[in-house]
N, C-alpha and C. Protein backbone atom coordinates (compact mmCIF):
# COMPACT_ATOMS: atom_id res chain seq x y z
N MET A 1 89.30 105.97 88.42
CA MET A 1 89.54 106.83 88.09
C MET A 1 88.63 108.18 87.61
N ASP A 2 88.54 109.30 88.06
CA ASP A 2 87.72 109.96 87.48
C ASP A 2 87.40 110.51 86.20
N THR A 3 86.63 110.21 85.45
CA THR A 3 86.66 110.69 83.82
C THR A 3 86.50 112.26 83.46
N LYS A 4 85.97 113.08 84.38
CA LYS A 4 85.97 114.36 84.37
C LYS A 4 87.16 115.32 84.71
N THR A 5 88.18 114.61 84.92
CA THR A 5 89.84 115.45 85.48
C THR A 5 90.04 115.62 84.03
N ASN A 6 90.62 116.60 83.92
CA ASN A 6 91.60 117.18 82.86
C ASN A 6 92.52 116.41 82.07
N ASN A 7 92.88 115.73 83.14
CA ASN A 7 94.46 114.83 82.95
C ASN A 7 94.04 113.39 82.80
N SER A 8 92.74 113.13 82.62
CA SER A 8 92.36 111.81 81.82
C SER A 8 92.09 111.87 80.39
N GLN A 9 92.72 110.80 80.21
CA GLN A 9 92.65 110.51 78.50
C GLN A 9 92.17 109.28 78.58
N CYS A 10 91.59 109.09 77.07
CA CYS A 10 90.92 107.90 76.28
C CYS A 10 91.65 107.33 75.44
N HIS A 11 92.26 106.06 75.27
CA HIS A 11 93.05 105.24 74.46
C HIS A 11 92.15 104.09 74.17
N ASP A 12 91.97 103.91 73.10
CA ASP A 12 90.72 102.81 72.89
C ASP A 12 89.56 102.50 73.95
N GLY A 13 89.16 103.59 74.56
CA GLY A 13 88.20 103.19 75.35
C GLY A 13 88.81 103.11 77.06
N VAL A 14 90.03 102.98 77.12
CA VAL A 14 90.56 103.01 78.25
C VAL A 14 91.15 103.94 78.62
N LEU A 15 90.97 104.47 80.33
CA LEU A 15 91.28 106.12 80.44
C LEU A 15 93.01 106.38 81.02
N ILE A 16 93.62 106.97 80.62
CA ILE A 16 95.11 106.99 80.97
C ILE A 16 95.27 108.35 81.26
N ASP A 17 96.49 108.56 81.86
CA ASP A 17 96.63 109.70 82.56
C ASP A 17 97.83 110.47 81.50
N GLN A 18 98.10 111.65 81.32
CA GLN A 18 99.18 112.44 80.62
C GLN A 18 100.61 112.21 80.84
N ALA A 19 100.46 111.68 81.86
CA ALA A 19 102.04 110.58 82.36
C ALA A 19 102.25 109.51 81.46
N THR A 20 101.16 108.73 81.49
CA THR A 20 101.11 107.49 80.67
C THR A 20 101.38 108.17 79.04
N LEU A 21 100.56 109.17 78.98
CA LEU A 21 100.77 109.29 77.17
C LEU A 21 102.12 109.87 77.26
N LEU A 22 102.81 110.42 77.93
CA LEU A 22 104.00 111.10 78.05
C LEU A 22 105.20 109.70 77.71
N GLU A 23 104.57 109.08 78.72
CA GLU A 23 105.21 107.70 78.80
C GLU A 23 105.27 106.85 77.53
N THR A 24 104.50 106.83 76.83
CA THR A 24 104.50 105.96 75.55
C THR A 24 105.28 106.89 74.50
N LEU A 25 104.95 107.90 74.74
CA LEU A 25 105.83 109.16 73.62
C LEU A 25 107.41 108.64 73.70
N ILE A 26 107.90 108.72 75.06
CA ILE A 26 109.29 108.64 75.41
C ILE A 26 109.84 106.89 74.88
N LYS A 27 108.61 106.11 74.94
CA LYS A 27 109.13 104.49 74.86
C LYS A 27 109.33 104.46 73.00
N GLN A 28 108.27 104.73 72.22
CA GLN A 28 108.22 105.26 71.03
C GLN A 28 109.83 105.91 70.67
N TRP A 29 110.13 106.85 71.12
CA TRP A 29 111.02 108.09 70.79
C TRP A 29 112.50 106.87 70.81
N HIS A 30 112.53 106.26 72.20
CA HIS A 30 113.74 105.38 72.40
C HIS A 30 113.77 104.15 71.24
N LYS A 31 112.67 103.57 70.81
CA LYS A 31 112.62 102.55 69.84
C LYS A 31 113.16 102.94 68.49
N ALA A 32 112.36 104.44 68.20
CA ALA A 32 112.89 105.03 67.10
C ALA A 32 114.34 104.92 67.03
N VAL A 33 115.09 105.48 68.26
CA VAL A 33 116.60 105.83 67.96
C VAL A 33 117.10 104.27 67.84
N ASP A 34 116.90 103.38 68.79
CA ASP A 34 117.21 102.10 68.72
C ASP A 34 117.34 101.51 67.05
N GLU A 35 116.03 101.52 66.70
CA GLU A 35 115.77 100.65 65.75
C GLU A 35 115.86 101.54 64.04
N ASP A 36 116.52 102.78 64.41
CA ASP A 36 116.82 104.31 63.41
C ASP A 36 115.46 104.29 62.32
N PHE A 37 114.34 104.47 62.76
CA PHE A 37 112.99 104.95 61.96
C PHE A 37 112.83 106.50 62.73
N ALA A 38 111.63 106.85 61.79
CA ALA A 38 111.09 108.08 61.99
C ALA A 38 109.90 107.93 62.81
N ILE A 39 109.29 109.11 63.62
CA ILE A 39 108.43 108.98 64.65
C ILE A 39 107.72 110.07 64.05
N THR A 40 106.49 110.20 64.13
CA THR A 40 105.39 111.10 63.67
C THR A 40 104.33 111.26 64.93
N VAL A 41 104.40 112.39 65.06
CA VAL A 41 103.58 113.01 66.55
C VAL A 41 102.51 114.24 65.54
N PHE A 42 101.07 113.93 66.03
CA PHE A 42 100.04 114.65 65.64
C PHE A 42 99.26 115.15 66.72
N ILE A 43 99.04 116.66 67.20
CA ILE A 43 97.98 117.13 67.94
C ILE A 43 96.88 117.66 66.99
N ILE A 44 95.92 116.99 67.13
CA ILE A 44 94.51 117.32 66.48
C ILE A 44 93.56 117.92 67.66
N ASP A 45 93.46 119.45 67.07
CA ASP A 45 92.50 120.41 68.25
C ASP A 45 91.31 120.49 67.20
N VAL A 46 89.75 120.24 68.22
CA VAL A 46 88.69 120.77 67.70
C VAL A 46 88.68 122.33 67.62
N ASP A 47 88.17 122.85 66.34
CA ASP A 47 88.20 124.27 66.10
C ASP A 47 87.14 124.88 67.30
N LYS A 48 87.18 125.82 67.89
CA LYS A 48 86.06 126.29 68.71
C LYS A 48 85.12 125.60 69.70
N PHE A 49 85.81 124.38 70.01
CA PHE A 49 85.38 123.90 70.94
C PHE A 49 84.41 124.20 71.96
N SER A 50 84.48 125.08 73.09
CA SER A 50 84.02 125.81 73.75
C SER A 50 82.66 126.07 73.46
N ARG A 51 82.56 126.55 72.07
CA ARG A 51 81.32 127.03 71.57
C ARG A 51 80.29 125.95 70.80
N MET A 52 80.73 124.72 70.94
CA MET A 52 80.28 123.59 70.33
C MET A 52 78.97 123.10 71.09
N GLU A 53 78.08 122.69 70.56
CA GLU A 53 76.74 122.23 70.86
C GLU A 53 77.19 120.60 71.43
N ASN A 54 76.45 119.90 72.37
CA ASN A 54 76.65 118.72 72.59
C ASN A 54 78.31 117.82 72.45
N LYS A 55 78.96 118.45 73.04
CA LYS A 55 80.47 118.58 72.85
C LYS A 55 80.92 117.08 73.16
N SER A 56 80.56 116.39 74.19
CA SER A 56 80.87 115.11 74.42
C SER A 56 80.45 113.89 73.54
N ALA A 57 79.31 114.43 73.11
CA ALA A 57 78.88 113.21 71.87
C ALA A 57 79.83 113.49 70.41
N CYS A 58 79.98 115.15 70.20
CA CYS A 58 80.64 115.37 69.04
C CYS A 58 82.09 114.90 69.01
N PHE A 59 82.44 114.93 70.33
CA PHE A 59 84.06 114.79 69.99
C PHE A 59 84.23 113.50 70.25
N ASP A 60 83.40 112.66 70.79
CA ASP A 60 83.62 110.90 70.60
C ASP A 60 83.54 110.66 68.93
N GLN A 61 82.60 111.21 68.29
CA GLN A 61 82.44 111.04 66.80
C GLN A 61 83.87 111.57 66.25
N ILE A 62 84.56 112.85 66.50
CA ILE A 62 85.49 113.22 66.19
C ILE A 62 86.90 112.25 66.05
N LEU A 63 86.69 111.50 67.76
CA LEU A 63 87.59 110.61 68.30
C LEU A 63 87.71 109.46 67.38
N ASP A 64 86.43 108.86 66.79
CA ASP A 64 86.34 107.54 66.43
C ASP A 64 86.91 107.86 64.59
N ALA A 65 86.63 108.82 64.14
CA ALA A 65 87.03 109.45 63.01
C ALA A 65 88.38 109.37 62.77
N ILE A 66 89.02 110.15 63.55
CA ILE A 66 90.70 110.16 63.77
C ILE A 66 91.26 108.78 63.83
N ARG A 67 90.81 107.70 64.76
CA ARG A 67 91.21 106.57 64.97
C ARG A 67 90.86 105.71 63.56
N SER A 68 90.13 105.93 62.96
CA SER A 68 89.81 105.38 61.73
C SER A 68 90.79 105.33 60.68
N GLN A 69 91.67 106.52 60.95
CA GLN A 69 92.88 106.99 60.19
C GLN A 69 94.08 106.38 60.32
N PHE A 70 94.31 105.63 61.42
CA PHE A 70 95.77 105.11 61.83
C PHE A 70 95.16 103.66 62.12
N GLN A 71 95.95 103.07 60.93
CA GLN A 71 95.62 101.80 60.83
C GLN A 71 96.90 100.97 61.03
N ARG A 72 98.10 101.73 61.43
CA ARG A 72 99.27 100.81 61.79
C ARG A 72 99.16 100.41 63.01
N GLU A 73 99.71 99.05 63.34
CA GLU A 73 99.74 98.27 64.86
C GLU A 73 100.42 99.51 65.52
N THR A 74 101.31 99.72 65.32
CA THR A 74 101.94 100.54 66.32
C THR A 74 101.70 102.03 66.59
N ASP A 75 100.42 102.51 65.87
CA ASP A 75 99.77 103.64 66.19
C ASP A 75 99.17 103.53 67.64
N PHE A 76 99.46 104.66 68.25
CA PHE A 76 98.87 105.37 69.73
C PHE A 76 98.05 106.61 69.35
N ILE A 77 96.87 106.63 69.74
CA ILE A 77 95.66 107.36 69.90
C ILE A 77 94.99 107.54 71.12
N ALA A 78 95.31 109.22 71.60
CA ALA A 78 94.66 109.02 72.70
C ALA A 78 94.26 110.36 73.23
N ARG A 79 93.26 110.50 74.00
CA ARG A 79 92.73 112.23 74.37
C ARG A 79 94.11 112.99 74.71
N PHE A 80 94.23 114.15 74.39
CA PHE A 80 95.45 114.68 74.92
C PHE A 80 94.93 115.74 76.15
N ASN A 81 93.80 116.33 75.66
CA ASN A 81 92.93 117.11 76.95
C ASN A 81 91.52 117.18 76.41
N ARG A 82 91.04 117.99 76.94
CA ARG A 82 89.37 118.29 77.02
C ARG A 82 88.93 118.08 75.61
N LYS A 83 90.14 118.56 74.49
CA LYS A 83 89.59 119.02 73.18
C LYS A 83 90.34 118.61 72.12
N GLN A 84 91.70 118.13 72.51
CA GLN A 84 92.51 117.60 71.92
C GLN A 84 92.98 116.16 71.49
N VAL A 85 93.32 115.96 70.70
CA VAL A 85 93.94 114.18 70.53
C VAL A 85 95.36 114.26 69.97
N MET A 86 95.83 113.23 70.77
CA MET A 86 97.55 112.96 70.40
C MET A 86 97.81 112.08 69.51
N ALA A 87 98.24 111.58 68.29
CA ALA A 87 98.77 110.61 67.66
C ALA A 87 99.82 110.37 67.69
N ILE A 88 100.45 109.18 67.82
CA ILE A 88 102.00 109.04 67.40
C ILE A 88 101.91 107.56 66.65
N SER A 89 102.77 108.23 65.40
CA SER A 89 102.63 106.86 64.74
C SER A 89 104.54 106.75 64.35
N SER A 90 105.01 105.81 64.01
CA SER A 90 106.37 105.46 63.34
C SER A 90 106.43 105.01 62.32
N HIS A 91 107.42 105.05 61.32
CA HIS A 91 107.82 104.28 59.82
C HIS A 91 106.82 105.42 59.10
N MET A 92 106.76 106.65 59.24
CA MET A 92 106.05 107.11 58.28
C MET A 92 107.06 108.34 57.91
N ASN A 93 107.01 108.63 56.32
CA ASN A 93 107.64 110.04 55.93
C ASN A 93 107.05 111.18 56.14
N TYR A 94 108.08 112.26 55.93
CA TYR A 94 107.06 113.53 55.82
C TYR A 94 105.86 113.92 54.88
N ARG A 95 106.09 113.19 53.73
CA ARG A 95 104.97 113.16 52.75
C ARG A 95 104.00 112.47 53.39
N GLN A 96 103.89 111.03 53.70
CA GLN A 96 102.92 110.40 54.39
C GLN A 96 101.96 110.81 55.25
N SER A 97 102.97 111.77 56.35
CA SER A 97 102.31 112.75 57.60
C SER A 97 101.62 113.46 57.00
N THR A 98 102.04 114.32 55.98
CA THR A 98 100.91 115.42 55.36
C THR A 98 100.06 115.14 54.70
N GLN A 99 100.04 113.61 53.95
CA GLN A 99 99.05 113.14 53.55
C GLN A 99 98.08 112.71 54.70
N LEU A 100 98.25 111.91 55.71
CA LEU A 100 97.30 111.63 56.77
C LEU A 100 96.55 112.90 57.30
N ALA A 101 97.21 114.21 57.56
CA ALA A 101 96.95 115.28 57.83
C ALA A 101 95.56 115.45 57.23
N THR A 102 95.79 115.41 55.68
CA THR A 102 94.75 115.89 55.00
C THR A 102 93.42 114.90 54.97
N ARG A 103 93.95 113.72 54.99
CA ARG A 103 92.99 112.67 55.07
C ARG A 103 91.84 113.02 57.07
N LEU A 104 92.57 113.24 57.75
CA LEU A 104 91.95 113.86 58.95
C LEU A 104 91.18 114.38 58.85
N HIS A 105 91.49 115.84 58.13
CA HIS A 105 90.68 116.67 57.84
C HIS A 105 89.24 116.28 57.07
N LYS A 106 89.46 115.59 56.19
CA LYS A 106 88.63 114.88 55.46
C LYS A 106 87.53 114.42 56.07
N ALA A 107 88.14 113.48 56.78
CA ALA A 107 87.25 112.26 57.65
C ALA A 107 86.74 113.10 58.80
N ILE A 108 86.95 114.31 59.30
CA ILE A 108 85.98 115.12 60.07
C ILE A 108 85.02 115.76 59.51
N ALA A 109 85.37 116.68 58.44
CA ALA A 109 84.64 117.38 57.23
C ALA A 109 83.51 116.17 56.90
N SER A 110 83.65 115.00 56.80
CA SER A 110 82.68 113.84 56.50
C SER A 110 81.52 113.64 57.33
N LEU A 111 82.02 113.84 58.65
CA LEU A 111 80.95 113.41 59.72
C LEU A 111 79.70 114.69 59.91
N LYS A 112 80.19 115.93 59.32
CA LYS A 112 79.45 116.97 59.00
C LYS A 112 78.59 117.31 60.26
N LEU A 113 79.06 117.55 61.54
CA LEU A 113 78.63 117.65 62.92
C LEU A 113 78.31 119.24 62.94
N PHE A 114 77.21 119.52 62.70
CA PHE A 114 76.74 120.84 62.63
C PHE A 114 77.47 121.92 64.04
N HIS A 115 78.24 122.64 63.51
CA HIS A 115 78.83 123.79 64.50
C HIS A 115 79.20 125.21 63.82
N PRO A 116 78.08 126.01 64.43
CA PRO A 116 77.96 127.44 63.22
C PRO A 116 78.96 128.12 63.75
N GLN A 117 79.89 127.71 64.83
CA GLN A 117 80.88 128.77 65.20
C GLN A 117 82.20 128.34 64.57
N SER A 118 82.14 127.35 63.79
CA SER A 118 83.60 126.82 62.99
C SER A 118 83.81 127.76 62.35
N PRO A 119 85.29 127.60 62.00
CA PRO A 119 85.88 128.50 60.98
C PRO A 119 85.04 128.61 59.64
N THR A 120 84.46 127.54 59.41
CA THR A 120 83.79 127.26 58.08
C THR A 120 82.71 127.83 58.13
N GLY A 121 81.95 128.15 59.35
CA GLY A 121 80.73 128.63 59.95
C GLY A 121 79.40 127.57 59.74
N ARG A 122 80.02 126.41 59.75
CA ARG A 122 78.64 125.65 59.36
C ARG A 122 79.17 124.01 60.26
N TYR A 123 80.24 123.38 59.81
CA TYR A 123 80.42 122.28 60.59
C TYR A 123 81.70 122.02 61.38
N ALA A 124 81.83 121.04 62.06
CA ALA A 124 83.03 121.08 63.12
C ALA A 124 84.49 121.05 62.29
N THR A 125 85.38 121.59 62.72
CA THR A 125 86.50 121.33 61.77
C THR A 125 87.65 121.05 63.09
N VAL A 126 88.89 120.60 62.63
CA VAL A 126 89.89 120.53 63.62
C VAL A 126 91.55 121.37 63.01
N SER A 127 91.97 121.77 63.87
CA SER A 127 93.46 122.21 63.50
C SER A 127 94.46 121.34 63.95
N ILE A 128 95.68 121.26 63.32
CA ILE A 128 96.30 119.83 63.31
C ILE A 128 97.85 120.71 63.21
N GLY A 129 98.66 120.18 64.33
CA GLY A 129 100.17 120.32 64.46
C GLY A 129 100.90 118.83 64.24
N HIS A 130 101.69 118.51 63.53
CA HIS A 130 102.31 117.46 63.30
C HIS A 130 103.85 117.88 63.19
N SER A 131 104.46 116.91 63.43
CA SER A 131 106.03 116.75 62.63
C SER A 131 106.43 115.22 62.87
N THR A 132 107.65 115.17 61.67
CA THR A 132 108.32 113.97 61.59
C THR A 132 109.54 114.27 61.98
N TYR A 133 110.48 113.05 62.75
CA TYR A 133 111.90 113.54 63.43
C TYR A 133 112.18 111.58 63.39
N ALA A 134 113.35 111.69 62.34
CA ALA A 134 114.15 110.32 63.35
C ALA A 134 115.26 110.64 63.77
N PRO A 135 114.87 110.13 65.27
CA PRO A 135 115.90 110.74 66.40
C PRO A 135 117.27 110.06 65.93
N GLU A 136 118.59 110.17 66.62
CA GLU A 136 119.43 109.57 66.83
C GLU A 136 120.09 109.65 68.18
N PRO A 137 121.06 108.55 68.32
CA PRO A 137 121.51 108.34 69.83
C PRO A 137 122.52 109.93 69.97
N ASN A 138 122.04 110.28 71.42
CA ASN A 138 122.66 112.10 71.64
C ASN A 138 122.59 112.79 70.78
N ASP A 139 121.49 112.61 70.25
CA ASP A 139 120.80 113.87 69.43
C ASP A 139 120.18 115.06 70.26
N CYS A 140 120.66 116.39 69.97
CA CYS A 140 120.38 117.57 71.07
C CYS A 140 118.86 117.74 70.92
N TYR A 141 118.12 117.10 69.58
CA TYR A 141 117.05 117.48 69.87
C TYR A 141 115.98 116.35 70.24
N GLY A 142 115.35 116.66 71.32
CA GLY A 142 114.80 115.45 72.02
C GLY A 142 113.15 114.92 71.65
N VAL A 143 112.56 114.20 72.54
CA VAL A 143 110.95 113.92 72.60
C VAL A 143 110.29 115.14 72.92
N LEU A 144 110.63 115.79 74.05
CA LEU A 144 110.23 117.33 74.66
C LEU A 144 110.01 118.37 73.70
N ASP A 145 111.28 118.54 73.05
CA ASP A 145 111.30 119.42 72.02
C ASP A 145 110.45 119.17 70.68
N MET A 146 110.29 117.87 70.31
CA MET A 146 109.23 117.72 69.75
C MET A 146 107.94 117.76 69.72
N LEU A 147 107.59 117.39 70.97
CA LEU A 147 106.23 117.75 71.62
C LEU A 147 105.97 119.16 71.68
N ALA A 148 107.02 120.06 71.78
CA ALA A 148 106.46 121.51 72.10
C ALA A 148 106.39 122.19 70.89
N THR A 149 107.17 121.52 69.66
CA THR A 149 106.97 121.91 68.19
C THR A 149 105.77 121.41 67.67
N VAL A 150 105.32 120.29 68.29
CA VAL A 150 104.06 120.33 67.58
C VAL A 150 102.80 121.04 68.15
N ILE A 151 103.19 121.33 69.69
CA ILE A 151 102.07 122.27 70.35
C ILE A 151 101.85 123.42 69.52
N LYS A 152 103.20 123.94 69.28
CA LYS A 152 103.20 125.15 68.81
C LYS A 152 102.49 125.56 67.19
N PHE A 153 102.72 124.34 66.53
CA PHE A 153 102.01 124.29 65.37
C PHE A 153 100.60 124.09 65.60
N VAL A 154 100.23 123.09 66.12
CA VAL A 154 98.64 123.38 66.37
C VAL A 154 98.12 124.70 66.86
N ARG A 155 98.77 125.31 67.60
CA ARG A 155 98.13 126.63 68.18
C ARG A 155 98.43 127.60 66.92
N ASP A 156 99.35 127.75 66.23
CA ASP A 156 99.70 128.61 64.72
C ASP A 156 98.56 128.14 63.76
N ALA A 157 97.98 127.06 63.60
CA ALA A 157 97.08 126.34 62.71
C ALA A 157 95.63 127.13 63.45
N LYS A 158 95.49 126.93 64.80
CA LYS A 158 94.19 127.66 65.12
C LYS A 158 94.48 129.13 65.12
N TYR A 159 95.43 129.67 65.65
CA TYR A 159 95.67 131.41 65.40
C TYR A 159 95.52 131.89 63.70
N GLU A 160 95.85 130.90 62.63
CA GLU A 160 95.85 131.21 61.53
C GLU A 160 94.32 131.22 60.89
N GLY A 161 93.14 130.80 61.74
CA GLY A 161 91.80 130.81 61.65
C GLY A 161 91.43 129.06 61.40
N GLY A 162 91.96 128.23 61.94
CA GLY A 162 91.77 126.97 62.27
C GLY A 162 91.47 126.15 60.67
N ASN A 163 90.77 125.28 61.16
CA ASN A 163 90.72 123.94 59.88
C ASN A 163 92.09 124.06 58.87
N GLN A 164 93.21 123.58 59.37
CA GLN A 164 94.44 123.61 58.82
C GLN A 164 95.31 123.17 59.73
N SER A 165 96.61 122.52 58.58
CA SER A 165 97.66 121.80 59.50
C SER A 165 98.68 122.82 59.37
N LYS A 166 99.64 122.47 60.31
CA LYS A 166 100.95 123.16 60.58
C LYS A 166 102.33 122.09 60.58
N SER A 167 103.24 122.21 60.02
CA SER A 167 104.19 121.05 59.92
C SER A 167 105.35 121.51 59.78
N ARG A 168 106.70 120.79 59.75
CA ARG A 168 107.87 120.92 59.35
C ARG A 168 108.65 119.73 59.17
N LEU A 169 109.47 120.07 57.99
CA LEU A 169 110.18 118.53 57.63
C LEU A 169 111.64 118.80 58.44
N HIS A 170 112.10 117.65 59.36
CA HIS A 170 113.37 118.16 60.06
C HIS A 170 114.51 117.35 58.94
N SER A 171 115.45 118.12 59.09
CA SER A 171 116.60 117.58 58.03
C SER A 171 117.16 116.08 58.22
N ARG A 172 116.94 115.70 59.35
CA ARG A 172 117.44 114.32 59.71
C ARG A 172 116.72 113.34 59.00
N VAL A 173 115.10 113.54 58.84
CA VAL A 173 114.65 112.67 57.97
C VAL A 173 115.37 112.54 56.58
N LEU A 174 115.75 113.54 56.04
CA LEU A 174 116.05 113.18 54.71
C LEU A 174 117.39 112.29 54.48
N LYS A 175 118.42 112.05 55.39
CA LYS A 175 119.24 111.24 55.44
C LYS A 175 119.12 110.05 54.94
């Protein structure tokens, strides 16, 4: 597999394509329905990535910092495209996912990767979109709806200046 194509992704050093990433998300979704637990999806986007020097090395360090924050056996982290990472986690409530987003920002900041074009004007930062949802059988809100929501949240975070997280609590999680 060509490592330079946009649809090549990395999960623990193994290249996967976006179809495999989506398949993993769908499997986790079905398991969440069957076992009645919440699923959380994060998309982490490196701010002003195209203006970053030494993109590849910096992204690898950012990816390692992200991986270090996901400790659950069922966590799945993969490169979503050239400047984004998708993380899928389960059995996490909204508060925990928000706290994890905060830890992700701190982990990236602690790298102190010089990036004068970042929203802070000094070091590399990330924008994060995430959502936690507990799907039910025959639910009208589906996995693609959740993915679209998370993509919108990460875009909103970037549009509003970057270096922040956007999320939403779904009422089903509260039941």
